[in-house]
Amino acid sequence: VLNATPTWVEQAALLLVMVIAFLGAAVGVHEHSHLSVTALRSAVPTWI
């Protein structure tokens, strides 16, 4: 529309993606929804 690309957006976006990905991964660990191997764990006996 303005025919003037804001050049700072790409750098800010890269920083925001880092925040979203890494903090989201940590929350996934807390809530048991990240790096989950529940299908395998559910298929084996209790002691395993």
All heavy atoms as atom14 arrays in JSON, in Angstrom:
{
  "sequence": "VLNATPTWVEQAALLLVMVIAFLGAAVGVHEHSHLSVTALRSAVPTWI",
  "atom14_mask": [
    [1, 1, 1, 1, 1, 1, 1, 0, 0, 0, 0, 0, 0, 0],
    [1, 1, 1, 1, 1, 1, 1, 1, 0, 0, 0, 0, 0, 0],
    [1, 1, 1, 1, 1, 1, 1, 1, 0, 0, 0, 0, 0, 0],
    [1, 1, 1, 1, 1, 0, 0, 0, 0, 0, 0, 0, 0, 0],
    [1, 1, 1, 1, 1, 1, 1, 0, 0, 0, 0, 0, 0, 0],
    [1, 1, 1, 1, 1, 1, 1, 0, 0, 0, 0, 0, 0, 0],
    [1, 1, 1, 1, 1, 1, 1, 0, 0, 0, 0, 0, 0, 0],
    [1, 1, 1, 1, 1, 1, 1, 1, 1, 1, 1, 1, 1, 1],
    [1, 1, 1, 1, 1, 1, 1, 0, 0, 0, 0, 0, 0, 0],
    [1, 1, 1, 1, 1, 1, 1, 1, 1, 0, 0, 0, 0, 0],
    [1, 1, 1, 1, 1, 1, 1, 1, 1, 0, 0, 0, 0, 0],
    [1, 1, 1, 1, 1, 0, 0, 0, 0, 0, 0, 0, 0, 0],
    [1, 1, 1, 1, 1, 0, 0, 0, 0, 0, 0, 0, 0, 0],
    [1, 1, 1, 1, 1, 1, 1, 1, 0, 0, 0, 0, 0, 0],
    [1, 1, 1, 1, 1, 1, 1, 1, 0, 0, 0, 0, 0, 0],
    [1, 1, 1, 1, 1, 1, 1, 1, 0, 0, 0, 0, 0, 0],
    [1, 1, 1, 1, 1, 1, 1, 0, 0, 0, 0, 0, 0, 0],
    [1, 1, 1, 1, 1, 1, 1, 1, 0, 0, 0, 0, 0, 0],
    [1, 1, 1, 1, 1, 1, 1, 0, 0, 0, 0, 0, 0, 0],
    [1, 1, 1, 1, 1, 1, 1, 1, 0, 0, 0, 0, 0, 0],
    [1, 1, 1, 1, 1, 0, 0, 0, 0, 0, 0, 0, 0, 0],
    [1, 1, 1, 1, 1, 1, 1, 1, 1, 1, 1, 0, 0, 0],
    [1, 1, 1, 1, 1, 1, 1, 1, 0, 0, 0, 0, 0, 0],
    [1, 1, 1, 1, 0, 0, 0, 0, 0, 0, 0, 0, 0, 0],
    [1, 1, 1, 1, 1, 0, 0, 0, 0, 0, 0, 0, 0, 0],
    [1, 1, 1, 1, 1, 0, 0, 0, 0, 0, 0, 0, 0, 0],
    [1, 1, 1, 1, 1, 1, 1, 0, 0, 0, 0, 0, 0, 0],
    [1, 1, 1, 1, 0, 0, 0, 0, 0, 0, 0, 0, 0, 0],
    [1, 1, 1, 1, 1, 1, 1, 0, 0, 0, 0, 0, 0, 0],
    [1, 1, 1, 1, 1, 1, 1, 1, 1, 1, 0, 0, 0, 0],
    [1, 1, 1, 1, 1, 1, 1, 1, 1, 0, 0, 0, 0, 0],
    [1, 1, 1, 1, 1, 1, 1, 1, 1, 1, 0, 0, 0, 0],
    [1, 1, 1, 1, 1, 1, 0, 0, 0, 0, 0, 0, 0, 0],
    [1, 1, 1, 1, 1, 1, 1, 1, 1, 1, 0, 0, 0, 0],
    [1, 1, 1, 1, 1, 1, 1, 1, 0, 0, 0, 0, 0, 0],
    [1, 1, 1, 1, 1, 1, 0, 0, 0, 0, 0, 0, 0, 0],
    [1, 1, 1, 1, 1, 1, 1, 0, 0, 0, 0, 0, 0, 0],
    [1, 1, 1, 1, 1, 1, 1, 0, 0, 0, 0, 0, 0, 0],
    [1, 1, 1, 1, 1, 0, 0, 0, 0, 0, 0, 0, 0, 0],
    [1, 1, 1, 1, 1, 1, 1, 1, 0, 0, 0, 0, 0, 0],
    [1, 1, 1, 1, 1, 1, 1, 1, 1, 1, 1, 0, 0, 0],
    [1, 1, 1, 1, 1, 1, 0, 0, 0, 0, 0, 0, 0, 0],
    [1, 1, 1, 1, 1, 0, 0, 0, 0, 0, 0, 0, 0, 0],
    [1, 1, 1, 1, 1, 1, 1, 0, 0, 0, 0, 0, 0, 0],
    [1, 1, 1, 1, 1, 1, 1, 0, 0, 0, 0, 0, 0, 0],
    [1, 1, 1, 1, 1, 1, 1, 0, 0, 0, 0, 0, 0, 0],
    [1, 1, 1, 1, 1, 1, 1, 1, 1, 1, 1, 1, 1, 1],
    [1, 1, 1, 1, 1, 1, 1, 1, 0, 0, 0, 0, 0, 0]
  ],
  "atom14_positions": [
    [[0.84, -1.21, 0.0], [0.0, 0.0, 0.0], [0.87, 1.26, 0.0], [0.68, 2.17, -0.8], [-0.98, 0.0, 1.2], [-1.78, 1.29, 1.25], [-1.92, -1.19, 1.11], [0.0, 0.0, 0.0], [0.0, 0.0, 0.0], [0.0, 0.0, 0.0], [0.0, 0.0, 0.0], [0.0, 0.0, 0.0], [0.0, 0.0, 0.0], [0.0, 0.0, 0.0]],
    [[1.82, 1.32, 0.91], [2.68, 2.51, 1.03], [3.88, 2.46, 0.1], [4.57, 3.46, -0.08], [3.16, 2.66, 2.49], [2.08, 2.8, 3.55], [2.72, 2.87, 4.93], [1.2, 4.01, 3.29], [0.0, 0.0, 0.0], [0.0, 0.0, 0.0], [0.0, 0.0, 0.0], [0.0, 0.0, 0.0], [0.0, 0.0, 0.0], [0.0, 0.0, 0.0]],
    [[4.15, 1.29, -0.47], [5.31, 1.08, -1.33], [6.62, 1.41, -0.6], [7.55, 1.93, -1.2], [5.19, 1.86, -2.64], [6.03, 1.26, -3.74], [6.36, 0.07, -3.67], [6.37, 2.06, -4.73], [0.0, 0.0, 0.0], [0.0, 0.0, 0.0], [0.0, 0.0, 0.0], [0.0, 0.0, 0.0], [0.0, 0.0, 0.0], [0.0, 0.0, 0.0]],
    [[6.65, 1.16, 0.69], [7.84, 1.37, 1.52], [7.91, 0.22, 2.53], [7.2, 0.23, 3.53], [7.77, 2.71, 2.22], [0.0, 0.0, 0.0], [0.0, 0.0, 0.0], [0.0, 0.0, 0.0], [0.0, 0.0, 0.0], [0.0, 0.0, 0.0], [0.0, 0.0, 0.0], [0.0, 0.0, 0.0], [0.0, 0.0, 0.0], [0.0, 0.0, 0.0]],
    [[8.76, -0.74, 2.26], [8.86, -1.92, 3.12], [9.58, -1.58, 4.42], [10.7, -1.09, 4.39], [9.63, -3.03, 2.38], [8.96, -3.32, 1.16], [9.73, -4.28, 3.22], [0.0, 0.0, 0.0], [0.0, 0.0, 0.0], [0.0, 0.0, 0.0], [0.0, 0.0, 0.0], [0.0, 0.0, 0.0], [0.0, 0.0, 0.0], [0.0, 0.0, 0.0]],
    [[8.94, -1.84, 5.56], [9.63, -1.65, 6.85], [10.67, -2.76, 7.03], [10.32, -3.92, 7.21], [8.51, -1.72, 7.88], [7.39, -2.42, 7.21], [7.55, -2.23, 5.74], [0.0, 0.0, 0.0], [0.0, 0.0, 0.0], [0.0, 0.0, 0.0], [0.0, 0.0, 0.0], [0.0, 0.0, 0.0], [0.0, 0.0, 0.0], [0.0, 0.0, 0.0]],
    [[11.93, -2.41, 6.98], [13.0, -3.4, 6.98], [13.24, -4.03, 8.34], [13.82, -5.11, 8.43], [14.3, -2.76, 6.48], [14.57, -1.61, 7.28], [14.18, -2.35, 5.02], [0.0, 0.0, 0.0], [0.0, 0.0, 0.0], [0.0, 0.0, 0.0], [0.0, 0.0, 0.0], [0.0, 0.0, 0.0], [0.0, 0.0, 0.0], [0.0, 0.0, 0.0]],
    [[12.81, -3.41, 9.4], [13.06, -3.9, 10.76], [12.2, -5.11, 11.11], [12.49, -5.85, 12.05], [12.83, -2.79, 11.78], [11.45, -2.21, 11.71], [11.06, -1.13, 10.98], [10.28, -2.68, 12.38], [9.72, -0.9, 11.14], [9.21, -1.83, 12.0], [10.03, -3.73, 13.25], [7.92, -2.01, 12.46], [8.73, -3.91, 13.71], [7.7, -3.04, 13.32]],
    [[11.12, -5.33, 10.34], [10.16, -6.38, 10.69], [10.81, -7.76, 10.69], [10.56, -8.57, 11.59], [8.93, -6.33, 9.74], [8.04, -7.56, 9.94], [8.14, -5.06, 9.96], [0.0, 0.0, 0.0], [0.0, 0.0, 0.0], [0.0, 0.0, 0.0], [0.0, 0.0, 0.0], [0.0, 0.0, 0.0], [0.0, 0.0, 0.0], [0.0, 0.0, 0.0]],
    [[11.64, -8.04, 9.71], [12.25, -9.37, 9.63], [13.1, -9.67, 10.86], [13.02, -10.77, 11.42], [13.1, -9.47, 8.37], [13.71, -10.84, 8.2], [14.55, -10.94, 6.94], [14.36, -10.15, 6.0], [15.4, -11.84, 6.91], [0.0, 0.0, 0.0], [0.0, 0.0, 0.0], [0.0, 0.0, 0.0], [0.0, 0.0, 0.0], [0.0, 0.0, 0.0]],
    [[13.9, -8.72, 11.29], [14.76, -8.94, 12.45], [13.93, -9.08, 13.74], [14.22, -9.92, 14.58], [15.77, -7.8, 12.59], [16.76, -7.73, 11.45], [17.57, -9.0, 11.3], [17.95, -9.63, 12.28], [17.84, -9.39, 10.07], [0.0, 0.0, 0.0], [0.0, 0.0, 0.0], [0.0, 0.0, 0.0], [0.0, 0.0, 0.0], [0.0, 0.0, 0.0]],
    [[12.91, -8.25, 13.87], [12.03, -8.36, 15.04], [11.28, -9.68, 15.04], [11.1, -10.32, 16.09], [11.05, -7.19, 15.08], [0.0, 0.0, 0.0], [0.0, 0.0, 0.0], [0.0, 0.0, 0.0], [0.0, 0.0, 0.0], [0.0, 0.0, 0.0], [0.0, 0.0, 0.0], [0.0, 0.0, 0.0], [0.0, 0.0, 0.0], [0.0, 0.0, 0.0]],
    [[10.86, -10.13, 13.85], [10.14, -11.4, 13.74], [11.03, -12.57, 14.15], [10.57, -13.5, 14.83], [9.64, -11.59, 12.31], [0.0, 0.0, 0.0], [0.0, 0.0, 0.0], [0.0, 0.0, 0.0], [0.0, 0.0, 0.0], [0.0, 0.0, 0.0], [0.0, 0.0, 0.0], [0.0, 0.0, 0.0], [0.0, 0.0, 0.0], [0.0, 0.0, 0.0]],
    [[12.29, -12.55, 13.75], [13.2, -13.62, 14.14], [13.35, -13.69, 15.66], [13.39, -14.77, 16.25], [14.57, -13.42, 13.49], [14.62, -13.67, 11.98], [15.98, -13.25, 11.43], [14.34, -15.13, 11.67], [0.0, 0.0, 0.0], [0.0, 0.0, 0.0], [0.0, 0.0, 0.0], [0.0, 0.0, 0.0], [0.0, 0.0, 0.0], [0.0, 0.0, 0.0]],
    [[13.42, -12.55, 16.29], [13.52, -12.51, 17.75], [12.25, -13.04, 18.4], [12.3, -13.83, 19.35], [13.8, -11.07, 18.2], [14.14, -10.84, 19.65], [15.35, -11.65, 20.08], [14.42, -9.36, 19.88], [0.0, 0.0, 0.0], [0.0, 0.0, 0.0], [0.0, 0.0, 0.0], [0.0, 0.0, 0.0], [0.0, 0.0, 0.0], [0.0, 0.0, 0.0]],
    [[11.1, -12.66, 17.87], [9.83, -13.12, 18.42], [9.63, -14.62, 18.23], [9.08, -15.3, 19.1], [8.66, -12.35, 17.8], [8.53, -10.9, 18.24], [7.52, -10.17, 17.37], [8.14, -10.83, 19.7], [0.0, 0.0, 0.0], [0.0, 0.0, 0.0], [0.0, 0.0, 0.0], [0.0, 0.0, 0.0], [0.0, 0.0, 0.0], [0.0, 0.0, 0.0]],
    [[10.08, -15.15, 17.09], [9.95, -16.59, 16.85], [10.78, -17.36, 17.87], [10.35, -18.42, 18.36], [10.36, -16.93, 15.4], [10.59, -18.42, 15.21], [9.29, -16.43, 14.44], [0.0, 0.0, 0.0], [0.0, 0.0, 0.0], [0.0, 0.0, 0.0], [0.0, 0.0, 0.0], [0.0, 0.0, 0.0], [0.0, 0.0, 0.0], [0.0, 0.0, 0.0]],
    [[11.95, -16.85, 18.22], [12.77, -17.5, 19.26], [12.02, -17.53, 20.59], [12.01, -18.56, 21.28], [14.1, -16.77, 19.43], [15.01, -16.83, 18.21], [15.63, -18.47, 17.9], [16.83, -18.61, 19.19], [0.0, 0.0, 0.0], [0.0, 0.0, 0.0], [0.0, 0.0, 0.0], [0.0, 0.0, 0.0], [0.0, 0.0, 0.0], [0.0, 0.0, 0.0]],
    [[11.41, -16.43, 20.95], [10.65, -16.36, 22.21], [9.5, -17.36, 22.18], [9.32, -18.14, 23.13], [10.14, -14.93, 22.46], [9.15, -14.9, 23.61], [11.29, -13.98, 22.71], [0.0, 0.0, 0.0], [0.0, 0.0, 0.0], [0.0, 0.0, 0.0], [0.0, 0.0, 0.0], [0.0, 0.0, 0.0], [0.0, 0.0, 0.0], [0.0, 0.0, 0.0]],
    [[8.74, -17.36, 21.1], [7.58, -18.24, 21.0], [7.99, -19.71, 21.03], [7.42, -20.52, 21.77], [6.78, -17.93, 19.71], [6.16, -16.53, 19.79], [5.72, -18.98, 19.45], [5.67, -16.0, 18.46], [0.0, 0.0, 0.0], [0.0, 0.0, 0.0], [0.0, 0.0, 0.0], [0.0, 0.0, 0.0], [0.0, 0.0, 0.0], [0.0, 0.0, 0.0]],
    [[9.01, -20.07, 20.26], [9.42, -21.47, 20.17], [9.99, -21.99, 21.48], [9.59, -23.07, 21.95], [10.44, -21.64, 19.05], [0.0, 0.0, 0.0], [0.0, 0.0, 0.0], [0.0, 0.0, 0.0], [0.0, 0.0, 0.0], [0.0, 0.0, 0.0], [0.0, 0.0, 0.0], [0.0, 0.0, 0.0], [0.0, 0.0, 0.0], [0.0, 0.0, 0.0]],
    [[10.9, -21.25, 22.08], [11.58, -21.78, 23.26], [10.72, -21.72, 24.52], [10.7, -22.67, 25.29], [12.93, -21.08, 23.46], [13.98, -21.59, 22.53], [14.45, -20.8, 21.5], [14.5, -22.87, 22.67], [15.41, -21.27, 20.63], [15.46, -23.35, 21.81], [15.92, -22.55, 20.77], [0.0, 0.0, 0.0], [0.0, 0.0, 0.0], [0.0, 0.0, 0.0]],
    [[10.02, -20.63, 24.73], [9.14, -20.59, 25.91], [7.98, -21.56, 25.75], [7.55, -22.2, 26.71], [8.63, -19.18, 26.17], [9.65, -18.17, 26.69], [8.99, -16.84, 26.98], [10.37, -18.68, 27.91], [0.0, 0.0, 0.0], [0.0, 0.0, 0.0], [0.0, 0.0, 0.0], [0.0, 0.0, 0.0], [0.0, 0.0, 0.0], [0.0, 0.0, 0.0]],
    [[7.49, -21.69, 24.52], [6.42, -22.67, 24.25], [6.88, -24.09, 24.51], [6.12, -24.92, 25.04], [0.0, 0.0, 0.0], [0.0, 0.0, 0.0], [0.0, 0.0, 0.0], [0.0, 0.0, 0.0], [0.0, 0.0, 0.0], [0.0, 0.0, 0.0], [0.0, 0.0, 0.0], [0.0, 0.0, 0.0], [0.0, 0.0, 0.0], [0.0, 0.0, 0.0]],
    [[8.14, -24.39, 24.17], [8.68, -25.73, 24.43], [8.77, -25.99, 25.93], [8.44, -27.09, 26.4], [10.06, -25.87, 23.79], [0.0, 0.0, 0.0], [0.0, 0.0, 0.0], [0.0, 0.0, 0.0], [0.0, 0.0, 0.0], [0.0, 0.0, 0.0], [0.0, 0.0, 0.0], [0.0, 0.0, 0.0], [0.0, 0.0, 0.0], [0.0, 0.0, 0.0]],
    [[9.19, -24.99, 26.69], [9.29, -25.16, 28.14], [7.91, -25.41, 28.75], [7.75, -26.27, 29.62], [9.95, -23.95, 28.78], [0.0, 0.0, 0.0], [0.0, 0.0, 0.0], [0.0, 0.0, 0.0], [0.0, 0.0, 0.0], [0.0, 0.0, 0.0], [0.0, 0.0, 0.0], [0.0, 0.0, 0.0], [0.0, 0.0, 0.0], [0.0, 0.0, 0.0]],
    [[6.92, -24.66, 28.3], [5.55, -24.86, 28.79], [5.06, -26.26, 28.41], [4.39, -26.93, 29.2], [4.6, -23.77, 28.27], [3.15, -24.1, 28.57], [4.96, -22.42, 28.86], [0.0, 0.0, 0.0], [0.0, 0.0, 0.0], [0.0, 0.0, 0.0], [0.0, 0.0, 0.0], [0.0, 0.0, 0.0], [0.0, 0.0, 0.0], [0.0, 0.0, 0.0]],
    [[5.42, -26.71, 27.21], [5.05, -28.06, 26.79], [5.63, -29.13, 27.69], [4.97, -30.13, 27.97], [0.0, 0.0, 0.0], [0.0, 0.0, 0.0], [0.0, 0.0, 0.0], [0.0, 0.0, 0.0], [0.0, 0.0, 0.0], [0.0, 0.0, 0.0], [0.0, 0.0, 0.0], [0.0, 0.0, 0.0], [0.0, 0.0, 0.0], [0.0, 0.0, 0.0]],
    [[6.85, -28.92, 28.17], [7.44, -29.87, 29.12], [6.64, -29.85, 30.42], [6.34, -30.9, 30.99], [8.93, -29.53, 29.37], [9.47, -30.32, 30.55], [9.75, -29.83, 28.12], [0.0, 0.0, 0.0], [0.0, 0.0, 0.0], [0.0, 0.0, 0.0], [0.0, 0.0, 0.0], [0.0, 0.0, 0.0], [0.0, 0.0, 0.0], [0.0, 0.0, 0.0]],
    [[6.29, -28.67, 30.89], [5.53, -28.57, 32.15], [4.16, -29.22, 32.04], [3.71, -29.9, 32.96], [5.37, -27.1, 32.55], [4.55, -26.91, 33.78], [4.98, -27.32, 35.02], [3.33, -26.37, 33.97], [4.06, -27.03, 35.93], [3.05, -26.46, 35.3], [0.0, 0.0, 0.0], [0.0, 0.0, 0.0], [0.0, 0.0, 0.0], [0.0, 0.0, 0.0]],
    [[3.51, -29.04, 30.89], [2.14, -29.53, 30.72], [2.08, -30.91, 30.08], [1.0, -31.35, 29.7], [1.34, -28.51, 29.9], [1.19, -27.2, 30.64], [0.43, -26.16, 29.83], [0.22, -26.36, 28.61], [0.07, -25.15, 30.44], [0.0, 0.0, 0.0], [0.0, 0.0, 0.0], [0.0, 0.0, 0.0], [0.0, 0.0, 0.0], [0.0, 0.0, 0.0]],
    [[3.23, -31.56, 29.93], [3.29, -32.93, 29.4], [2.77, -33.02, 27.97], [2.21, -34.03, 27.57], [2.5, -33.91, 30.27], [2.55, -33.63, 31.72], [3.71, -33.73, 32.45], [1.6, -33.21, 32.58], [3.46, -33.4, 33.69], [2.21, -33.08, 33.8], [0.0, 0.0, 0.0], [0.0, 0.0, 0.0], [0.0, 0.0, 0.0], [0.0, 0.0, 0.0]],
    [[2.96, -31.97, 27.19], [2.48, -32.0, 25.81], [3.61, -31.83, 24.81], [3.38, -31.65, 23.63], [1.43, -30.9, 25.61], [2.0, -29.63, 25.84], [0.0, 0.0, 0.0], [0.0, 0.0, 0.0], [0.0, 0.0, 0.0], [0.0, 0.0, 0.0], [0.0, 0.0, 0.0], [0.0, 0.0, 0.0], [0.0, 0.0, 0.0], [0.0, 0.0, 0.0]],
    [[4.85, -31.89, 25.28], [5.99, -31.71, 24.4], [6.95, -32.88, 24.58], [7.13, -33.38, 25.69], [6.7, -30.39, 24.73], [7.79, -30.05, 23.78], [7.54, -29.72, 22.48], [9.12, -29.99, 23.93], [8.68, -29.46, 21.87], [9.66, -29.62, 22.73], [0.0, 0.0, 0.0], [0.0, 0.0, 0.0], [0.0, 0.0, 0.0], [0.0, 0.0, 0.0]],
    [[7.55, -33.3, 23.49], [8.47, -34.43, 23.51], [7.85, -35.65, 24.18], [8.48, -36.35, 24.96], [9.77, -34.05, 24.23], [10.57, -32.91, 23.62], [11.71, -32.53, 24.55], [11.09, -33.25, 22.26], [0.0, 0.0, 0.0], [0.0, 0.0, 0.0], [0.0, 0.0, 0.0], [0.0, 0.0, 0.0], [0.0, 0.0, 0.0], [0.0, 0.0, 0.0]],
    [[6.61, -35.88, 23.87], [5.87, -36.92, 24.56], [6.05, -38.27, 23.87], [6.03, -38.37, 22.65], [4.4, -36.53, 24.57], [3.66, -37.47, 25.27], [0.0, 0.0, 0.0], [0.0, 0.0, 0.0], [0.0, 0.0, 0.0], [0.0, 0.0, 0.0], [0.0, 0.0, 0.0], [0.0, 0.0, 0.0], [0.0, 0.0, 0.0], [0.0, 0.0, 0.0]],
    [[6.22, -39.28, 24.66], [6.3, -40.64, 24.16], [5.23, -41.48, 24.85], [5.45, -42.63, 25.21], [7.7, -41.25, 24.37], [8.72, -40.63, 23.46], [8.13, -41.13, 25.81], [0.0, 0.0, 0.0], [0.0, 0.0, 0.0], [0.0, 0.0, 0.0], [0.0, 0.0, 0.0], [0.0, 0.0, 0.0], [0.0, 0.0, 0.0], [0.0, 0.0, 0.0]],
    [[4.06, -40.9, 25.02], [3.02, -41.57, 25.79], [2.5, -42.83, 25.12], [2.13, -43.78, 25.8], [1.84, -40.63, 26.07], [1.31, -40.16, 24.83], [2.27, -39.46, 26.92], [0.0, 0.0, 0.0], [0.0, 0.0, 0.0], [0.0, 0.0, 0.0], [0.0, 0.0, 0.0], [0.0, 0.0, 0.0], [0.0, 0.0, 0.0], [0.0, 0.0, 0.0]],
    [[2.48, -42.87, 23.8], [1.98, -44.08, 23.14], [2.86, -45.27, 23.47], [2.37, -46.35, 23.79], [1.9, -43.86, 21.64], [0.0, 0.0, 0.0], [0.0, 0.0, 0.0], [0.0, 0.0, 0.0], [0.0, 0.0, 0.0], [0.0, 0.0, 0.0], [0.0, 0.0, 0.0], [0.0, 0.0, 0.0], [0.0, 0.0, 0.0], [0.0, 0.0, 0.0]],
    [[4.17, -45.08, 23.42], [5.09, -46.16, 23.76], [5.0, -46.5, 25.24], [4.96, -47.67, 25.61], [6.53, -45.76, 23.4], [7.6, -46.77, 23.75], [7.39, -48.09, 22.99], [8.98, -46.21, 23.45], [0.0, 0.0, 0.0], [0.0, 0.0, 0.0], [0.0, 0.0, 0.0], [0.0, 0.0, 0.0], [0.0, 0.0, 0.0], [0.0, 0.0, 0.0]],
    [[4.94, -45.48, 26.08], [4.88, -45.74, 27.52], [3.59, -46.45, 27.89], [3.57, -47.28, 28.8], [5.0, -44.43, 28.31], [6.36, -43.82, 28.22], [6.64, -42.76, 29.24], [5.69, -41.67, 29.31], [6.05, -40.42, 29.59], [7.31, -40.09, 29.77], [5.14, -39.48, 29.68], [0.0, 0.0, 0.0], [0.0, 0.0, 0.0], [0.0, 0.0, 0.0]],
    [[2.5, -46.15, 27.22], [1.22, -46.78, 27.54], [1.16, -48.23, 27.09], [0.38, -49.02, 27.62], [0.07, -46.01, 26.88], [0.02, -44.71, 27.4], [0.0, 0.0, 0.0], [0.0, 0.0, 0.0], [0.0, 0.0, 0.0], [0.0, 0.0, 0.0], [0.0, 0.0, 0.0], [0.0, 0.0, 0.0], [0.0, 0.0, 0.0], [0.0, 0.0, 0.0]],
    [[1.99, -48.6, 26.12], [1.94, -49.94, 25.56], [2.79, -50.95, 26.32], [2.71, -52.14, 26.03], [2.38, -49.9, 24.1], [0.0, 0.0, 0.0], [0.0, 0.0, 0.0], [0.0, 0.0, 0.0], [0.0, 0.0, 0.0], [0.0, 0.0, 0.0], [0.0, 0.0, 0.0], [0.0, 0.0, 0.0], [0.0, 0.0, 0.0], [0.0, 0.0, 0.0]],
    [[3.59, -50.49, 27.26], [4.49, -51.4, 27.97], [3.97, -51.67, 29.37], [3.15, -50.92, 29.9], [5.93, -50.82, 28.02], [6.5, -50.67, 26.62], [5.98, -49.51, 28.76], [0.0, 0.0, 0.0], [0.0, 0.0, 0.0], [0.0, 0.0, 0.0], [0.0, 0.0, 0.0], [0.0, 0.0, 0.0], [0.0, 0.0, 0.0], [0.0, 0.0, 0.0]],
    [[4.46, -52.72, 30.0], [4.05, -53.01, 31.38], [4.44, -51.88, 32.34], [5.34, -51.09, 32.06], [4.82, -54.29, 31.72], [5.2, -54.89, 30.42], [5.33, -53.76, 29.45], [0.0, 0.0, 0.0], [0.0, 0.0, 0.0], [0.0, 0.0, 0.0], [0.0, 0.0, 0.0], [0.0, 0.0, 0.0], [0.0, 0.0, 0.0], [0.0, 0.0, 0.0]],
    [[3.78, -51.86, 33.49], [3.95, -50.78, 34.45], [5.39, -50.59, 34.9], [5.87, -49.47, 34.98], [3.06, -51.02, 35.68], [1.7, -51.13, 35.24], [3.16, -49.87, 36.66], [0.0, 0.0, 0.0], [0.0, 0.0, 0.0], [0.0, 0.0, 0.0], [0.0, 0.0, 0.0], [0.0, 0.0, 0.0], [0.0, 0.0, 0.0], [0.0, 0.0, 0.0]],
    [[6.11, -51.67, 35.16], [7.48, -51.52, 35.66], [8.38, -50.89, 34.61], [9.27, -50.11, 34.95], [8.02, -52.83, 36.19], [8.29, -53.87, 35.14], [7.41, -54.79, 34.64], [9.53, -54.09, 34.47], [8.02, -55.56, 33.69], [9.33, -55.16, 33.56], [10.78, -53.5, 34.53], [10.32, -55.64, 32.73], [11.79, -53.99, 33.7], [11.55, -55.04, 32.82]],
    [[8.16, -51.21, 33.33], [8.95, -50.58, 32.26], [8.5, -49.12, 32.09], [9.32, -48.24, 31.87], [8.81, -51.36, 30.94], [9.4, -52.75, 31.08], [9.49, -50.6, 29.79], [9.21, -53.65, 29.88], [0.0, 0.0, 0.0], [0.0, 0.0, 0.0], [0.0, 0.0, 0.0], [0.0, 0.0, 0.0], [0.0, 0.0, 0.0], [0.0, 0.0, 0.0]]
  ]
}
